[in-house]
Amino acid sequence: MEGNKEAVKVLNNLIEVSEDGKKGFEEAANDAKDSSLKSLFRDCSTQCAAAAGDLIKAVNALGGKADDSGSATGAAHRGWVKLKSKVENPNVAVLEEVERGQDHAKASYAKALKAQLPQTIREMVQRQYEGVVRHHDQIRDLRNRYQAAA
């Protein structure tokens, strides 16, 4: 475990990010008014949950203890999304805040990829990072479309 301490720390951070994403997308699905957005957000939440599960398995395989809770910052962000969606165009507000959450996730994964990780774990983190980037870009494009239509 001692040699894997840094990898476990990095993965636990990504677990927190993934749990925040799962919860954030669930909230976004509840707050969005458009049924296609609700469906997209639920799908993204499921993907975040699967990512967290894979990261937890990796931490366990390294002999570490997985931290499977989200962050206080993530909880505050979800509260802000709920408030903002009540006073602005709900779909645009939710998309803006989801994109902000994805910006944080992208940065966290990019930082993790700079750490010393066993090769198989690095490959998993890289695949998850690519998924975060796809989600981000999809959310950004939708936000732009909804803003133009507003």
N, C-alpha and C. Protein backbone atom coordinates (compact mmCIF):
# COMPACT_ATOMS: atom_id res chain seq x y z
N MET A 1 0.83 -1.21 0.00
CA MET A 1 0.00 0.00 0.00
C MET A 1 0.86 1.25 0.00
N GLU A 2 1.97 1.26 0.74
CA GLU A 2 2.79 2.47 0.88
C GLU A 2 3.19 3.04 -0.48
N GLY A 3 3.61 2.18 -1.40
CA GLY A 3 4.01 2.65 -2.72
C GLY A 3 2.83 3.17 -3.55
N ASN A 4 1.64 2.79 -3.16
CA ASN A 4 0.44 3.18 -3.90
C ASN A 4 -0.29 4.35 -3.24
N LYS A 5 0.29 4.90 -2.20
CA LYS A 5 -0.39 5.95 -1.42
C LYS A 5 -0.81 7.14 -2.29
N GLU A 6 0.09 7.60 -3.15
CA GLU A 6 -0.23 8.75 -4.00
C GLU A 6 -1.32 8.39 -5.01
N ALA A 7 -1.24 7.20 -5.59
CA ALA A 7 -2.27 6.78 -6.55
C ALA A 7 -3.63 6.69 -5.87
N VAL A 8 -3.67 6.17 -4.65
CA VAL A 8 -4.93 6.07 -3.91
C VAL A 8 -5.50 7.47 -3.65
N LYS A 9 -4.63 8.40 -3.29
CA LYS A 9 -5.07 9.78 -3.03
C LYS A 9 -5.67 10.39 -4.31
N VAL A 10 -4.99 10.21 -5.42
CA VAL A 10 -5.46 10.74 -6.70
C VAL A 10 -6.81 10.11 -7.07
N LEU A 11 -6.91 8.80 -6.91
CA LEU A 11 -8.16 8.11 -7.27
C LEU A 11 -9.30 8.51 -6.33
N ASN A 12 -9.00 8.69 -5.06
CA ASN A 12 -10.05 9.13 -4.13
C ASN A 12 -10.57 10.51 -4.51
N ASN A 13 -9.71 11.38 -4.99
CA ASN A 13 -10.16 12.68 -5.47
C ASN A 13 -11.11 12.51 -6.66
N LEU A 14 -10.76 11.60 -7.57
CA LEU A 14 -11.62 11.36 -8.74
C LEU A 14 -12.94 10.71 -8.34
N ILE A 15 -12.91 9.88 -7.30
CA ILE A 15 -14.16 9.31 -6.80
C ILE A 15 -15.07 10.43 -6.32
N GLU A 16 -14.50 11.37 -5.57
CA GLU A 16 -15.28 12.51 -5.08
C GLU A 16 -15.86 13.31 -6.24
N VAL A 17 -15.04 13.56 -7.25
CA VAL A 17 -15.49 14.29 -8.44
C VAL A 17 -16.62 13.52 -9.14
N SER A 18 -16.47 12.21 -9.26
CA SER A 18 -17.49 11.39 -9.92
C SER A 18 -18.78 11.35 -9.12
N GLU A 19 -18.67 11.27 -7.80
CA GLU A 19 -19.87 11.29 -6.95
C GLU A 19 -20.57 12.65 -7.06
N ASP A 20 -19.78 13.71 -7.07
CA ASP A 20 -20.37 15.05 -7.26
C ASP A 20 -21.07 15.12 -8.62
N GLY A 21 -20.45 14.56 -9.65
CA GLY A 21 -21.06 14.55 -10.97
C GLY A 21 -22.35 13.76 -10.99
N LYS A 22 -22.33 12.60 -10.36
CA LYS A 22 -23.54 11.77 -10.30
C LYS A 22 -24.68 12.55 -9.64
N LYS A 23 -24.40 13.13 -8.50
CA LYS A 23 -25.43 13.88 -7.76
C LYS A 23 -25.83 15.15 -8.51
N GLY A 24 -24.86 15.81 -9.11
CA GLY A 24 -25.14 17.04 -9.85
C GLY A 24 -26.02 16.78 -11.06
N PHE A 25 -25.73 15.72 -11.80
CA PHE A 25 -26.56 15.39 -12.95
C PHE A 25 -27.96 14.96 -12.51
N GLU A 26 -28.07 14.27 -11.36
CA GLU A 26 -29.40 13.90 -10.84
C GLU A 26 -30.21 15.17 -10.55
N GLU A 27 -29.57 16.13 -9.87
CA GLU A 27 -30.25 17.40 -9.57
C GLU A 27 -30.62 18.14 -10.85
N ALA A 28 -29.70 18.14 -11.82
CA ALA A 28 -29.97 18.82 -13.09
C ALA A 28 -31.17 18.19 -13.78
N ALA A 29 -31.27 16.86 -13.72
CA ALA A 29 -32.42 16.18 -14.33
C ALA A 29 -33.71 16.60 -13.64
N ASN A 30 -33.65 16.80 -12.35
CA ASN A 30 -34.84 17.23 -11.61
C ASN A 30 -35.21 18.68 -11.93
N ASP A 31 -34.21 19.52 -12.17
CA ASP A 31 -34.44 20.95 -12.35
C ASP A 31 -34.73 21.35 -13.80
N ALA A 32 -34.24 20.57 -14.75
CA ALA A 32 -34.47 20.90 -16.17
C ALA A 32 -35.94 20.74 -16.50
N LYS A 33 -36.41 21.56 -17.42
CA LYS A 33 -37.81 21.50 -17.84
C LYS A 33 -37.98 20.68 -19.12
N ASP A 34 -36.93 20.59 -19.91
CA ASP A 34 -36.97 19.89 -21.19
C ASP A 34 -36.76 18.39 -20.96
N SER A 35 -37.63 17.55 -21.52
CA SER A 35 -37.54 16.11 -21.29
C SER A 35 -36.27 15.50 -21.89
N SER A 36 -35.79 16.06 -23.00
CA SER A 36 -34.55 15.51 -23.58
C SER A 36 -33.35 15.83 -22.69
N LEU A 37 -33.36 16.99 -22.05
CA LEU A 37 -32.29 17.32 -21.10
C LEU A 37 -32.36 16.41 -19.88
N LYS A 38 -33.56 16.19 -19.39
CA LYS A 38 -33.73 15.29 -18.25
C LYS A 38 -33.13 13.92 -18.55
N SER A 39 -33.42 13.40 -19.73
CA SER A 39 -32.91 12.09 -20.14
C SER A 39 -31.38 12.10 -20.24
N LEU A 40 -30.84 13.13 -20.88
CA LEU A 40 -29.39 13.26 -21.01
C LEU A 40 -28.73 13.30 -19.63
N PHE A 41 -29.26 14.12 -18.74
CA PHE A 41 -28.66 14.26 -17.41
C PHE A 41 -28.73 12.95 -16.63
N ARG A 42 -29.82 12.23 -16.77
CA ARG A 42 -29.92 10.93 -16.07
C ARG A 42 -28.88 9.95 -16.61
N ASP A 43 -28.68 9.96 -17.93
CA ASP A 43 -27.67 9.10 -18.53
C ASP A 43 -26.27 9.48 -18.04
N CYS A 44 -25.99 10.77 -17.98
CA CYS A 44 -24.69 11.24 -17.50
C CYS A 44 -24.49 10.85 -16.04
N SER A 45 -25.54 10.93 -15.23
CA SER A 45 -25.46 10.54 -13.83
C SER A 45 -25.10 9.06 -13.70
N THR A 46 -25.72 8.24 -14.52
CA THR A 46 -25.43 6.81 -14.52
C THR A 46 -23.98 6.55 -14.90
N GLN A 47 -23.48 7.29 -15.89
CA GLN A 47 -22.09 7.12 -16.31
C GLN A 47 -21.12 7.56 -15.21
N CYS A 48 -21.45 8.63 -14.50
CA CYS A 48 -20.61 9.07 -13.38
C CYS A 48 -20.59 8.02 -12.27
N ALA A 49 -21.74 7.43 -12.00
CA ALA A 49 -21.82 6.38 -10.98
C ALA A 49 -20.95 5.19 -11.37
N ALA A 50 -20.99 4.81 -12.65
CA ALA A 50 -20.17 3.69 -13.12
C ALA A 50 -18.68 4.04 -12.99
N ALA A 51 -18.32 5.28 -13.32
CA ALA A 51 -16.92 5.71 -13.19
C ALA A 51 -16.48 5.63 -11.74
N ALA A 52 -17.32 6.11 -10.83
CA ALA A 52 -16.99 6.05 -9.40
C ALA A 52 -16.79 4.60 -8.97
N GLY A 53 -17.67 3.71 -9.44
CA GLY A 53 -17.54 2.30 -9.10
C GLY A 53 -16.22 1.71 -9.57
N ASP A 54 -15.81 2.05 -10.79
CA ASP A 54 -14.53 1.56 -11.32
C ASP A 54 -13.37 2.12 -10.51
N LEU A 55 -13.45 3.38 -10.13
CA LEU A 55 -12.39 4.00 -9.34
C LEU A 55 -12.31 3.36 -7.95
N ILE A 56 -13.45 3.07 -7.36
CA ILE A 56 -13.46 2.41 -6.04
C ILE A 56 -12.79 1.04 -6.14
N LYS A 57 -13.10 0.29 -7.18
CA LYS A 57 -12.45 -1.02 -7.39
C LYS A 57 -10.94 -0.86 -7.52
N ALA A 58 -10.51 0.17 -8.22
CA ALA A 58 -9.07 0.40 -8.41
C ALA A 58 -8.40 0.72 -7.07
N VAL A 59 -9.03 1.56 -6.26
CA VAL A 59 -8.48 1.89 -4.94
C VAL A 59 -8.36 0.63 -4.10
N ASN A 60 -9.41 -0.19 -4.11
CA ASN A 60 -9.38 -1.44 -3.34
C ASN A 60 -8.28 -2.36 -3.83
N ALA A 61 -8.09 -2.44 -5.15
CA ALA A 61 -7.05 -3.29 -5.72
C ALA A 61 -5.65 -2.82 -5.31
N LEU A 62 -5.53 -1.52 -5.07
CA LEU A 62 -4.23 -0.98 -4.62
C LEU A 62 -4.03 -1.12 -3.11
N GLY A 63 -5.04 -1.67 -2.43
CA GLY A 63 -4.94 -1.85 -0.99
C GLY A 63 -5.36 -0.63 -0.19
N GLY A 64 -5.98 0.33 -0.85
CA GLY A 64 -6.41 1.55 -0.18
C GLY A 64 -7.84 1.47 0.29
N LYS A 65 -8.27 2.54 0.94
CA LYS A 65 -9.65 2.67 1.40
C LYS A 65 -10.32 3.76 0.55
N ALA A 66 -11.37 3.36 -0.13
CA ALA A 66 -12.06 4.28 -1.02
C ALA A 66 -12.95 5.23 -0.23
N ASP A 67 -12.91 6.49 -0.62
CA ASP A 67 -13.79 7.52 -0.05
C ASP A 67 -14.89 7.74 -1.07
N ASP A 68 -16.08 7.20 -0.78
CA ASP A 68 -17.14 7.22 -1.78
C ASP A 68 -18.22 8.26 -1.53
N SER A 69 -17.81 9.40 -0.98
CA SER A 69 -18.78 10.47 -0.77
C SER A 69 -18.42 11.65 -1.67
N GLY A 70 -19.38 12.50 -1.90
CA GLY A 70 -19.12 13.71 -2.67
C GLY A 70 -18.54 14.78 -1.76
N SER A 71 -18.30 15.94 -2.31
CA SER A 71 -17.68 17.03 -1.55
C SER A 71 -18.71 18.04 -1.07
N ALA A 72 -18.32 18.81 -0.07
CA ALA A 72 -19.17 19.91 0.40
C ALA A 72 -19.31 20.97 -0.69
N THR A 73 -18.26 21.18 -1.44
CA THR A 73 -18.30 22.14 -2.54
C THR A 73 -19.32 21.70 -3.58
N GLY A 74 -19.35 20.40 -3.87
CA GLY A 74 -20.32 19.88 -4.83
C GLY A 74 -21.75 20.08 -4.34
N ALA A 75 -21.97 19.87 -3.04
CA ALA A 75 -23.30 20.07 -2.47
C ALA A 75 -23.72 21.53 -2.58
N ALA A 76 -22.80 22.43 -2.31
CA ALA A 76 -23.11 23.86 -2.42
C ALA A 76 -23.42 24.23 -3.86
N HIS A 77 -22.66 23.68 -4.78
CA HIS A 77 -22.88 23.95 -6.21
C HIS A 77 -24.28 23.48 -6.63
N ARG A 78 -24.68 22.29 -6.16
CA ARG A 78 -26.01 21.79 -6.51
C ARG A 78 -27.10 22.70 -5.96
N GLY A 79 -26.89 23.25 -4.77
CA GLY A 79 -27.85 24.20 -4.21
C GLY A 79 -27.95 25.45 -5.06
N TRP A 80 -26.83 25.92 -5.55
CA TRP A 80 -26.78 27.10 -6.41
C TRP A 80 -27.54 26.84 -7.72
N VAL A 81 -27.36 25.65 -8.28
CA VAL A 81 -28.06 25.29 -9.52
C VAL A 81 -29.56 25.36 -9.28
N LYS A 82 -30.02 24.81 -8.18
CA LYS A 82 -31.45 24.79 -7.87
C LYS A 82 -31.99 26.21 -7.77
N LEU A 83 -31.27 27.07 -7.05
CA LEU A 83 -31.70 28.45 -6.88
C LEU A 83 -31.71 29.19 -8.22
N LYS A 84 -30.63 29.06 -8.97
CA LYS A 84 -30.50 29.76 -10.24
C LYS A 84 -31.58 29.32 -11.23
N SER A 85 -31.92 28.02 -11.21
CA SER A 85 -32.92 27.54 -12.16
C SER A 85 -34.32 28.06 -11.83
N LYS A 86 -34.52 28.57 -10.62
CA LYS A 86 -35.81 29.11 -10.23
C LYS A 86 -36.00 30.55 -10.72
N VAL A 87 -34.89 31.27 -10.92
CA VAL A 87 -35.00 32.69 -11.25
C VAL A 87 -34.65 33.02 -12.69
N GLU A 88 -34.01 32.12 -13.41
CA GLU A 88 -33.62 32.36 -14.79
C GLU A 88 -34.30 31.34 -15.69
N ASN A 89 -33.99 31.40 -16.98
CA ASN A 89 -34.44 30.37 -17.89
C ASN A 89 -33.92 29.04 -17.34
N PRO A 90 -34.80 28.15 -16.88
CA PRO A 90 -34.35 26.96 -16.18
C PRO A 90 -33.40 26.08 -16.99
N ASN A 91 -33.69 25.86 -18.25
CA ASN A 91 -32.82 24.98 -19.04
C ASN A 91 -31.45 25.60 -19.25
N VAL A 92 -31.39 26.88 -19.58
CA VAL A 92 -30.10 27.56 -19.77
C VAL A 92 -29.33 27.59 -18.46
N ALA A 93 -30.00 27.93 -17.36
CA ALA A 93 -29.33 28.01 -16.05
C ALA A 93 -28.74 26.66 -15.67
N VAL A 94 -29.51 25.61 -15.86
CA VAL A 94 -29.03 24.27 -15.50
C VAL A 94 -27.84 23.90 -16.39
N LEU A 95 -27.95 24.15 -17.68
CA LEU A 95 -26.84 23.82 -18.58
C LEU A 95 -25.57 24.60 -18.23
N GLU A 96 -25.72 25.88 -17.88
CA GLU A 96 -24.55 26.68 -17.51
C GLU A 96 -23.86 26.10 -16.28
N GLU A 97 -24.65 25.73 -15.31
CA GLU A 97 -24.06 25.21 -14.07
C GLU A 97 -23.50 23.80 -14.25
N VAL A 98 -24.16 22.99 -15.06
CA VAL A 98 -23.63 21.65 -15.34
C VAL A 98 -22.29 21.79 -16.07
N GLU A 99 -22.22 22.73 -16.99
CA GLU A 99 -20.95 22.94 -17.69
C GLU A 99 -19.86 23.38 -16.72
N ARG A 100 -20.21 24.21 -15.77
CA ARG A 100 -19.23 24.65 -14.77
C ARG A 100 -18.73 23.44 -13.96
N GLY A 101 -19.64 22.56 -13.61
CA GLY A 101 -19.24 21.33 -12.91
C GLY A 101 -18.33 20.46 -13.77
N GLN A 102 -18.64 20.38 -15.05
CA GLN A 102 -17.80 19.60 -15.96
C GLN A 102 -16.43 20.24 -16.16
N ASP A 103 -16.35 21.57 -16.09
CA ASP A 103 -15.05 22.24 -16.14
C ASP A 103 -14.18 21.76 -14.98
N HIS A 104 -14.79 21.69 -13.80
CA HIS A 104 -14.06 21.22 -12.61
C HIS A 104 -13.62 19.77 -12.79
N ALA A 105 -14.51 18.94 -13.30
CA ALA A 105 -14.18 17.52 -13.51
C ALA A 105 -13.04 17.37 -14.52
N LYS A 106 -13.09 18.14 -15.61
CA LYS A 106 -12.01 18.08 -16.61
C LYS A 106 -10.67 18.43 -15.98
N ALA A 107 -10.65 19.50 -15.19
CA ALA A 107 -9.40 19.93 -14.55
C ALA A 107 -8.90 18.87 -13.58
N SER A 108 -9.79 18.26 -12.84
CA SER A 108 -9.40 17.22 -11.88
C SER A 108 -8.80 16.01 -12.59
N TYR A 109 -9.44 15.60 -13.68
CA TYR A 109 -8.92 14.45 -14.42
C TYR A 109 -7.59 14.79 -15.10
N ALA A 110 -7.47 15.99 -15.65
CA ALA A 110 -6.21 16.38 -16.28
C ALA A 110 -5.07 16.36 -15.27
N LYS A 111 -5.34 16.83 -14.06
CA LYS A 111 -4.35 16.81 -12.99
C LYS A 111 -4.00 15.37 -12.62
N ALA A 112 -5.00 14.51 -12.54
CA ALA A 112 -4.77 13.11 -12.18
C ALA A 112 -3.88 12.42 -13.22
N LEU A 113 -4.06 12.77 -14.48
CA LEU A 113 -3.26 12.14 -15.53
C LEU A 113 -1.78 12.54 -15.48
N LYS A 114 -1.47 13.56 -14.71
CA LYS A 114 -0.08 13.97 -14.54
C LYS A 114 0.59 13.21 -13.39
N ALA A 115 -0.19 12.50 -12.60
CA ALA A 115 0.32 11.78 -11.43
C ALA A 115 0.91 10.43 -11.86
N GLN A 116 1.71 9.86 -10.97
CA GLN A 116 2.26 8.52 -11.17
C GLN A 116 1.17 7.51 -10.86
N LEU A 117 0.67 6.85 -11.89
CA LEU A 117 -0.36 5.84 -11.74
C LEU A 117 0.07 4.56 -12.44
N PRO A 118 -0.29 3.41 -11.88
CA PRO A 118 -0.03 2.16 -12.61
C PRO A 118 -0.68 2.23 -14.00
N GLN A 119 -0.06 1.59 -14.98
CA GLN A 119 -0.49 1.73 -16.38
C GLN A 119 -1.97 1.39 -16.59
N THR A 120 -2.45 0.29 -16.04
CA THR A 120 -3.85 -0.08 -16.27
C THR A 120 -4.80 0.95 -15.66
N ILE A 121 -4.41 1.51 -14.53
CA ILE A 121 -5.24 2.53 -13.89
C ILE A 121 -5.18 3.83 -14.70
N ARG A 122 -4.01 4.17 -15.19
CA ARG A 122 -3.86 5.36 -16.04
C ARG A 122 -4.77 5.25 -17.27
N GLU A 123 -4.81 4.07 -17.87
CA GLU A 123 -5.66 3.86 -19.05
C GLU A 123 -7.13 4.06 -18.70
N MET A 124 -7.55 3.56 -17.53
CA MET A 124 -8.94 3.74 -17.10
C MET A 124 -9.22 5.23 -16.87
N VAL A 125 -8.31 5.92 -16.19
CA VAL A 125 -8.49 7.36 -15.93
C VAL A 125 -8.54 8.13 -17.24
N GLN A 126 -7.71 7.75 -18.20
CA GLN A 126 -7.72 8.40 -19.52
C GLN A 126 -9.07 8.21 -20.20
N ARG A 127 -9.62 6.99 -20.17
CA ARG A 127 -10.94 6.73 -20.78
C ARG A 127 -12.01 7.57 -20.09
N GLN A 128 -11.95 7.63 -18.75
CA GLN A 128 -12.93 8.43 -18.02
C GLN A 128 -12.78 9.91 -18.35
N TYR A 129 -11.56 10.39 -18.47
CA TYR A 129 -11.31 11.78 -18.84
C TYR A 129 -11.95 12.09 -20.20
N GLU A 130 -11.76 11.19 -21.15
CA GLU A 130 -12.35 11.39 -22.48
C GLU A 130 -13.87 11.46 -22.39
N GLY A 131 -14.47 10.68 -21.49
CA GLY A 131 -15.92 10.75 -21.28
C GLY A 131 -16.34 12.08 -20.69
N VAL A 132 -15.55 12.59 -19.75
CA VAL A 132 -15.83 13.90 -19.15
C VAL A 132 -15.77 14.99 -20.22
N VAL A 133 -14.77 14.92 -21.08
CA VAL A 133 -14.63 15.91 -22.15
C VAL A 133 -15.83 15.82 -23.10
N ARG A 134 -16.27 14.60 -23.44
CA ARG A 134 -17.45 14.46 -24.31
C ARG A 134 -18.68 15.07 -23.65
N HIS A 135 -18.88 14.76 -22.35
CA HIS A 135 -20.02 15.35 -21.63
C HIS A 135 -19.93 16.87 -21.66
N HIS A 136 -18.75 17.39 -21.33
CA HIS A 136 -18.57 18.84 -21.29
C HIS A 136 -18.93 19.47 -22.62
N ASP A 137 -18.37 18.93 -23.69
CA ASP A 137 -18.59 19.52 -25.01
C ASP A 137 -20.06 19.42 -25.43
N GLN A 138 -20.70 18.33 -25.10
CA GLN A 138 -22.12 18.16 -25.42
C GLN A 138 -22.95 19.18 -24.63
N ILE A 139 -22.64 19.35 -23.36
CA ILE A 139 -23.36 20.31 -22.51
C ILE A 139 -23.13 21.73 -23.02
N ARG A 140 -21.89 22.06 -23.36
CA ARG A 140 -21.56 23.39 -23.88
C ARG A 140 -22.35 23.69 -25.15
N ASP A 141 -22.38 22.72 -26.06
CA ASP A 141 -23.10 22.91 -27.32
C ASP A 141 -24.60 23.09 -27.07
N LEU A 142 -25.15 22.30 -26.17
CA LEU A 142 -26.57 22.45 -25.83
C LEU A 142 -26.84 23.81 -25.19
N ARG A 143 -25.96 24.23 -24.30
CA ARG A 143 -26.12 25.54 -23.66
C ARG A 143 -26.15 26.64 -24.71
N ASN A 144 -25.23 26.57 -25.67
CA ASN A 144 -25.19 27.58 -26.73
C ASN A 144 -26.47 27.57 -27.55
N ARG A 145 -26.98 26.37 -27.84
CA ARG A 145 -28.22 26.26 -28.61
C ARG A 145 -29.41 26.83 -27.83
N TYR A 146 -29.50 26.48 -26.54
CA TYR A 146 -30.62 26.97 -25.73
C TYR A 146 -30.51 28.49 -25.51
N GLN A 147 -29.29 29.01 -25.36
CA GLN A 147 -29.14 30.48 -25.21
C GLN A 147 -29.58 31.19 -26.47
N ALA A 148 -29.22 30.65 -27.62
CA ALA A 148 -29.58 31.28 -28.90
C ALA A 148 -31.10 31.27 -29.09
N ALA A 149 -31.75 30.26 -28.60
CA ALA A 149 -33.20 30.14 -28.77
C ALA A 149 -33.98 30.99 -27.75
N ALA A 150 -33.30 31.40 -26.68
CA ALA A 150 -34.00 32.15 -25.62
C ALA A 150 -34.28 33.58 -26.01
